Amino acid sequence: MEITPELKEKLDLLHQKYAALGEDFNAYLEGLLYTDVTTYWDYIQLDTLLSLQKTKTSFPDEVVFIMYHQITELYFKLALREFEALGKTQNPDKKHFVDRVTRINRYFDALVNSFEIMINGMDRVEFLKFRMSLLPASGFQSAQYREIEIYSTDFINLVAKDQRASLKDEREISKMFDKIYWKAGATEVATGKKTLTLIQFEEKYKDQFIAHGEHCKDKNLWQVYLRLNLEDQQDEAVKQALRQNDINVNINWPLAHYKSAVRYLARQDKDVAATGGTNWQKYLPPRFQKRIFYPHLWSNEEMDNWGKAWVEESLN
């Protein structure tokens, strides 16, 4: 084999790289002799991936339910990578900001637009049976979704709407966490007691969520936006990227779940309870929560009618 100038240059660069690390370049070259080439199935861990669908029943459509939720969590992980990268940016520019937030928005667009796969992809009778084997697990317990919320906005905007005014000057995340909006969605409607779903969720993640809230005080998306120069803050593309994140997380995604709940759980005489005992009738519709990440970017009229237009369009 001829040692071309191009090949020699690459070898020299590799030698410099490993020398800077204090490593023996020749040893690494020898290691290449014994290293297997990469295959597609090994690289993405295909066998492991396809083995992760562990059903609790023999109903075929339970696999649809599991796989779609697994896909959802993978998209959430992609979104969190972008939030994390943005949070570390001390001097963001308009292009970088819009590009990164648009990535997040595309992930949610994909999830919302694909939700029909699950809504229309399961037999209702089968679902109402196999769901009983999942108690008290619930999609309510998605920790990554809660982290996305925390990364999106100042924590006060996640406090239950009837508690926000009294906590508007609070800086301690643990105190605001006690009044976070989603706790009301996992309490028993009749007694007001915490469901086992909520008890389990808090036991596992409460400390993590509070620490994440502290971490995001100056790293959430709104704070990154405020680090843009004033001209960029007023740019319509920048504001629209944030508004779309608000719509996706606080309207489109909950409504996708609401449509699913209506299809599978709504009845004329009495609605079927969600698997975790969550109060889906009040918890999912955006008009009840009025959870808005970026209130400064919306008019009073838009906030008063939060979710109304999207509800009417989605439920047609």
Protein backbone atom coordinates (compact mmCIF):
# COMPACT_ATOMS: atom_id res chain seq x y z
CA MET A 1 0.00 0.00 0.00
CA GLU A 2 1.36 3.40 -0.99
CA ILE A 3 1.82 5.95 1.78
CA THR A 4 0.39 8.98 -0.01
CA PRO A 5 0.91 12.53 1.27
CA GLU A 6 -2.75 12.59 2.31
CA LEU A 7 -2.40 9.36 4.29
CA LYS A 8 0.84 10.53 5.91
CA GLU A 9 -0.87 13.78 6.95
CA LYS A 10 -3.70 11.85 8.62
CA LEU A 11 -1.24 9.56 10.41
CA ASP A 12 0.72 12.56 11.65
CA LEU A 13 -2.46 14.22 12.93
CA LEU A 14 -3.51 11.03 14.71
CA HIS A 15 -0.06 10.72 16.25
CA GLN A 16 -0.33 14.31 17.51
CA LYS A 17 -3.79 13.63 18.91
CA TYR A 18 -2.75 10.61 20.97
CA ALA A 19 0.58 12.15 21.98
CA ALA A 20 -1.32 15.11 23.46
CA LEU A 21 -3.30 12.58 25.52
CA GLY A 22 -0.13 10.87 26.66
CA GLU A 23 -1.08 7.70 24.77
CA ASP A 24 0.93 5.36 22.55
CA PHE A 25 -0.32 5.87 18.98
CA ASN A 26 1.16 2.55 17.82
CA ALA A 27 -0.85 0.69 20.47
CA TYR A 28 -4.06 2.24 19.14
CA LEU A 29 -3.12 1.28 15.59
CA GLU A 30 -2.55 -2.30 16.72
CA GLY A 31 -5.95 -2.26 18.41
CA LEU A 32 -7.56 -1.49 15.05
CA LEU A 33 -6.29 -4.85 13.78
CA TYR A 34 -8.56 -6.66 16.22
CA THR A 35 -11.55 -4.35 16.29
CA ASP A 36 -14.68 -5.62 14.53
CA VAL A 37 -16.30 -3.35 11.96
CA THR A 38 -19.51 -1.62 13.01
CA THR A 39 -22.85 -2.96 11.80
CA TYR A 40 -26.15 -1.11 11.73
CA TRP A 41 -27.82 -3.53 14.15
CA ASP A 42 -24.98 -3.32 16.66
CA TYR A 43 -24.66 0.46 16.42
CA ILE A 44 -28.32 1.13 17.31
CA GLN A 45 -28.54 -1.88 19.64
CA LEU A 46 -31.40 -3.27 17.56
CA ASP A 47 -31.77 -6.58 19.37
CA THR A 48 -31.95 -4.83 22.73
CA LEU A 49 -34.37 -2.22 21.39
CA LEU A 50 -36.77 -4.81 20.02
CA SER A 51 -36.69 -6.77 23.27
CA LEU A 52 -37.99 -3.90 25.41
CA GLN A 53 -41.69 -4.45 24.77
CA LYS A 54 -42.67 -6.46 27.85
CA THR A 55 -46.43 -6.87 27.87
CA LYS A 56 -48.49 -7.55 30.99
CA THR A 57 -51.27 -9.36 29.11
CA SER A 58 -51.79 -11.44 25.98
CA PHE A 59 -53.80 -8.74 24.16
CA PRO A 60 -51.98 -7.94 20.89
CA ASP A 61 -52.70 -4.20 20.97
CA GLU A 62 -50.87 -3.75 24.24
CA VAL A 63 -47.68 -3.76 22.16
CA VAL A 64 -48.95 -0.68 20.30
CA PHE A 65 -49.53 1.06 23.62
CA ILE A 66 -46.06 0.24 24.94
CA MET A 67 -44.15 1.08 21.78
CA TYR A 68 -45.80 4.43 21.25
CA HIS A 69 -45.00 5.49 24.80
CA GLN A 70 -41.41 4.35 24.34
CA ILE A 71 -41.19 6.40 21.13
CA THR A 72 -42.59 9.36 23.04
CA GLU A 73 -39.90 9.13 25.69
CA LEU A 74 -37.18 8.99 23.02
CA TYR A 75 -38.50 12.19 21.46
CA PHE A 76 -38.59 13.77 24.91
CA LYS A 77 -34.94 12.83 25.35
CA LEU A 78 -34.08 14.52 22.05
CA ALA A 79 -35.92 17.66 23.15
CA LEU A 80 -34.15 17.72 26.52
CA ARG A 81 -30.76 17.62 24.78
CA GLU A 82 -31.69 20.84 22.99
CA PHE A 83 -32.98 22.52 26.15
CA GLU A 84 -29.76 21.59 27.94
CA ALA A 85 -27.58 22.95 25.14
CA LEU A 86 -29.53 26.21 25.03
CA GLY A 87 -29.38 26.60 28.80
CA LYS A 88 -25.58 26.55 28.70
CA THR A 89 -25.45 29.36 26.13
CA GLN A 90 -24.44 32.60 27.83
CA ASN A 91 -24.42 34.81 24.73
CA PRO A 92 -27.03 33.36 22.39
CA ASP A 93 -27.64 34.79 18.95
CA LYS A 94 -30.91 34.84 17.06
CA LYS A 95 -30.05 32.13 14.53
CA HIS A 96 -28.76 29.65 17.10
CA PHE A 97 -31.76 30.28 19.36
CA VAL A 98 -34.36 29.85 16.63
CA ASP A 99 -32.61 26.79 15.18
CA ARG A 100 -32.51 25.00 18.53
CA VAL A 101 -36.06 25.87 19.60
CA THR A 102 -37.30 24.84 16.15
CA ARG A 103 -35.70 21.43 16.69
CA ILE A 104 -37.72 21.06 19.88
CA ASN A 105 -40.86 22.16 18.08
CA ARG A 106 -40.30 19.60 15.32
CA TYR A 107 -40.03 16.82 17.88
CA PHE A 108 -43.37 17.81 19.36
CA ASP A 109 -44.91 18.24 15.91
CA ALA A 110 -43.88 14.67 15.12
CA LEU A 111 -45.41 13.40 18.36
CA VAL A 112 -48.68 15.30 18.01
CA ASN A 113 -49.08 14.39 14.34
CA SER A 114 -48.34 10.72 15.01
CA PHE A 115 -50.62 10.32 18.03
CA GLU A 116 -53.38 9.05 15.73
CA ILE A 117 -51.26 5.91 15.38
CA MET A 118 -52.11 5.03 18.95
CA ILE A 119 -55.57 6.60 19.12
CA ASN A 120 -56.79 4.69 16.07
CA GLY A 121 -54.37 1.80 16.39
CA MET A 122 -55.87 -0.04 19.35
CA ASP A 123 -59.08 -1.97 19.73
CA ARG A 124 -61.18 -0.17 22.35
CA VAL A 125 -62.43 -3.36 23.98
CA GLU A 126 -58.90 -4.74 24.22
CA PHE A 127 -57.57 -1.48 25.65
CA LEU A 128 -60.23 -1.25 28.35
CA LYS A 129 -59.22 -4.74 29.45
CA PHE A 130 -55.43 -4.68 29.33
CA ARG A 131 -55.29 -1.21 30.89
CA MET A 132 -56.50 -2.72 34.15
CA SER A 133 -53.28 -4.71 34.42
CA LEU A 134 -51.26 -1.48 34.35
CA LEU A 135 -52.62 0.04 37.57
CA PRO A 136 -51.48 2.39 39.00
CA ALA A 137 -49.00 3.30 36.22
CA SER A 138 -49.94 6.29 34.11
CA GLY A 139 -48.45 8.50 31.40
CA PHE A 140 -48.89 11.19 34.04
CA GLN A 141 -45.66 9.75 35.51
CA SER A 142 -43.43 10.82 32.61
CA ALA A 143 -40.51 12.49 34.38
CA GLN A 144 -38.98 13.69 31.12
CA TYR A 145 -42.15 15.61 30.25
CA ARG A 146 -42.00 17.35 33.64
CA GLU A 147 -38.36 18.21 32.99
CA ILE A 148 -39.33 19.72 29.63
CA GLU A 149 -41.86 21.92 31.41
CA ILE A 150 -39.25 23.04 33.94
CA TYR A 151 -36.73 23.75 31.17
CA SER A 152 -39.28 25.81 29.23
CA THR A 153 -40.21 28.55 31.68
CA ASP A 154 -39.76 30.21 35.04
CA PHE A 155 -41.05 27.83 37.71
CA ILE A 156 -43.80 30.18 38.85
CA ASN A 157 -45.64 29.51 35.59
CA LEU A 158 -45.95 25.84 36.57
CA VAL A 159 -47.68 26.65 39.83
CA ALA A 160 -51.44 25.98 39.93
CA LYS A 161 -53.18 29.06 38.54
CA ASP A 162 -55.07 29.80 41.77
CA GLN A 163 -51.78 29.80 43.73
CA ARG A 164 -49.57 31.86 41.43
CA ALA A 165 -50.46 35.28 42.80
CA SER A 166 -49.56 34.34 46.36
CA LEU A 167 -46.20 32.88 45.25
CA LYS A 168 -45.22 35.44 42.60
CA ASP A 169 -42.28 36.70 44.71
CA GLU A 170 -41.19 33.24 45.88
CA ARG A 171 -37.70 32.15 44.84
CA GLU A 172 -37.50 28.82 46.68
CA ILE A 173 -38.31 26.04 44.21
CA SER A 174 -39.36 23.56 46.91
CA LYS A 175 -42.17 25.86 48.06
CA MET A 176 -43.41 26.41 44.52
CA PHE A 177 -43.16 22.69 43.81
CA ASP A 178 -45.63 21.99 46.61
CA LYS A 179 -48.19 23.95 44.54
CA ILE A 180 -47.24 22.69 41.09
CA TYR A 181 -50.24 22.39 38.80
CA TRP A 182 -50.09 18.70 37.94
CA LYS A 183 -50.60 17.44 41.49
CA ALA A 184 -54.28 18.32 41.20
CA GLY A 185 -54.50 16.03 38.18
CA ALA A 186 -53.63 12.97 40.28
CA THR A 187 -55.87 13.43 43.28
CA GLU A 188 -59.06 11.56 43.95
CA VAL A 189 -61.97 13.63 42.71
CA ALA A 190 -64.27 12.67 45.59
CA THR A 191 -61.85 12.93 48.55
CA GLY A 192 -59.03 15.15 47.33
CA LYS A 193 -56.48 12.57 48.51
CA LYS A 194 -53.34 11.81 46.55
CA THR A 195 -53.62 8.79 44.30
CA LEU A 196 -51.04 6.04 44.51
CA THR A 197 -49.88 7.22 41.09
CA LEU A 198 -48.95 10.62 42.55
CA ILE A 199 -47.48 9.15 45.74
CA GLN A 200 -45.17 6.86 43.73
CA PHE A 201 -44.21 9.66 41.35
CA GLU A 202 -43.27 12.08 44.11
CA GLU A 203 -41.35 9.44 46.05
CA LYS A 204 -39.17 8.73 43.04
CA TYR A 205 -38.78 12.16 41.47
CA LYS A 206 -39.62 14.96 43.93
CA ASP A 207 -36.02 15.72 44.93
CA GLN A 208 -34.90 15.41 41.31
CA PHE A 209 -37.56 17.87 40.12
CA ILE A 210 -36.70 20.41 42.81
CA ALA A 211 -32.99 20.16 41.96
CA HIS A 212 -33.85 20.49 38.27
CA GLY A 213 -35.92 23.58 39.06
CA GLU A 214 -32.98 25.16 40.89
CA HIS A 215 -30.69 24.27 37.98
CA CYS A 216 -33.05 25.89 35.50
CA LYS A 217 -33.58 29.18 37.32
CA ASP A 218 -31.18 30.86 34.89
CA LYS A 219 -31.10 28.12 32.24
CA ASN A 220 -34.73 27.75 31.23
CA LEU A 221 -35.80 28.81 27.76
CA TRP A 222 -37.30 32.11 28.87
CA GLN A 223 -34.09 33.12 30.64
CA VAL A 224 -32.06 32.21 27.54
CA TYR A 225 -34.44 34.40 25.51
CA LEU A 226 -33.79 37.31 27.90
CA ARG A 227 -30.05 36.93 27.22
CA LEU A 228 -30.63 37.79 23.57
CA ASN A 229 -30.04 41.40 22.65
CA LEU A 230 -33.15 43.58 22.65
CA GLU A 231 -33.38 43.67 18.85
CA ASP A 232 -33.32 39.87 18.62
CA GLN A 233 -35.90 39.59 21.40
CA GLN A 234 -38.31 41.59 19.27
CA ASP A 235 -37.67 39.51 16.14
CA GLU A 236 -40.87 37.79 15.07
CA ALA A 237 -39.13 34.48 14.25
CA VAL A 238 -37.72 34.35 17.78
CA LYS A 239 -41.05 35.08 19.42
CA GLN A 240 -42.90 32.66 17.16
CA ALA A 241 -40.48 29.84 18.02
CA LEU A 242 -41.27 30.36 21.71
CA ARG A 243 -44.99 30.67 21.12
CA GLN A 244 -44.96 27.42 19.18
CA ASN A 245 -43.24 25.67 22.07
CA ASP A 246 -45.97 27.05 24.35
CA ILE A 247 -48.68 25.77 22.01
CA ASN A 248 -47.07 22.36 21.53
CA VAL A 249 -46.41 21.55 25.18
CA ASN A 250 -49.42 23.25 26.78
CA ILE A 251 -52.13 22.81 24.15
CA ASN A 252 -51.43 20.39 21.31
CA TRP A 253 -49.85 17.61 23.37
CA PRO A 254 -52.46 17.63 26.18
CA LEU A 255 -55.23 17.78 23.59
CA ALA A 256 -53.82 14.76 21.78
CA HIS A 257 -54.17 12.88 25.07
CA TYR A 258 -57.60 14.34 25.66
CA LYS A 259 -58.80 13.05 22.30
CA SER A 260 -57.47 9.62 23.23
CA ALA A 261 -59.20 9.75 26.61
CA VAL A 262 -62.48 10.78 25.00
CA ARG A 263 -62.24 7.89 22.55
CA TYR A 264 -61.42 5.22 25.10
CA LEU A 265 -62.70 6.47 28.44
CA ALA A 266 -65.71 8.69 27.79
CA ARG A 267 -69.17 7.15 28.19
CA GLN A 268 -72.65 8.59 28.16
CA ASP A 269 -73.53 7.45 31.66
CA LYS A 270 -70.20 7.84 33.49
CA ASP A 271 -66.64 8.36 32.26
CA VAL A 272 -64.15 5.57 32.85
CA ALA A 273 -61.36 6.52 35.26
CA ALA A 274 -57.82 6.80 33.93
CA THR A 275 -55.41 4.04 34.96
CA GLY A 276 -53.71 6.13 37.61
CA GLY A 277 -56.93 7.67 38.86
CA THR A 278 -55.97 10.96 37.22
CA ASN A 279 -58.74 13.48 36.76
CA TRP A 280 -58.32 13.62 32.98
CA GLN A 281 -61.54 15.60 32.39
CA LYS A 282 -60.13 18.59 34.30
CA TYR A 283 -56.40 17.91 34.01
CA LEU A 284 -55.99 17.67 30.21
CA PRO A 285 -58.08 20.49 28.66
CA PRO A 286 -55.85 23.61 28.39
CA ARG A 287 -58.68 26.01 29.25
CA PHE A 288 -58.81 24.64 32.79
CA GLN A 289 -55.08 24.81 33.54
CA LYS A 290 -54.28 28.10 31.77
CA ARG A 291 -50.67 27.00 31.87
CA ILE A 292 -48.71 29.47 29.74
CA PHE A 293 -44.93 29.45 29.55
CA TYR A 294 -44.46 32.90 28.00
CA PRO A 295 -47.33 35.18 29.09
CA HIS A 296 -45.42 38.27 27.92
CA LEU A 297 -45.66 37.02 24.32
CA TRP A 298 -49.45 36.68 24.26
CA SER A 299 -52.24 39.25 24.33
CA ASN A 300 -54.78 39.26 27.16
CA GLU A 301 -57.43 38.04 24.73
CA GLU A 302 -55.25 35.15 23.60
CA MET A 303 -54.62 34.12 27.18
CA ASP A 304 -58.31 34.47 28.12
CA ASN A 305 -59.17 32.09 25.27
CA TRP A 306 -56.17 29.83 25.85
CA GLY A 307 -56.63 26.62 23.92
CA LYS A 308 -60.18 27.37 22.82
CA ALA A 309 -59.53 27.57 19.08
CA TRP A 310 -57.30 24.49 19.13
CA VAL A 311 -59.88 22.54 21.15
CA GLU A 312 -62.60 23.35 18.64
CA GLU A 313 -60.38 22.40 15.71
CA SER A 314 -58.98 19.22 17.29
CA LEU A 315 -62.29 17.83 18.43
CA ASN A 316 -64.16 18.40 15.17
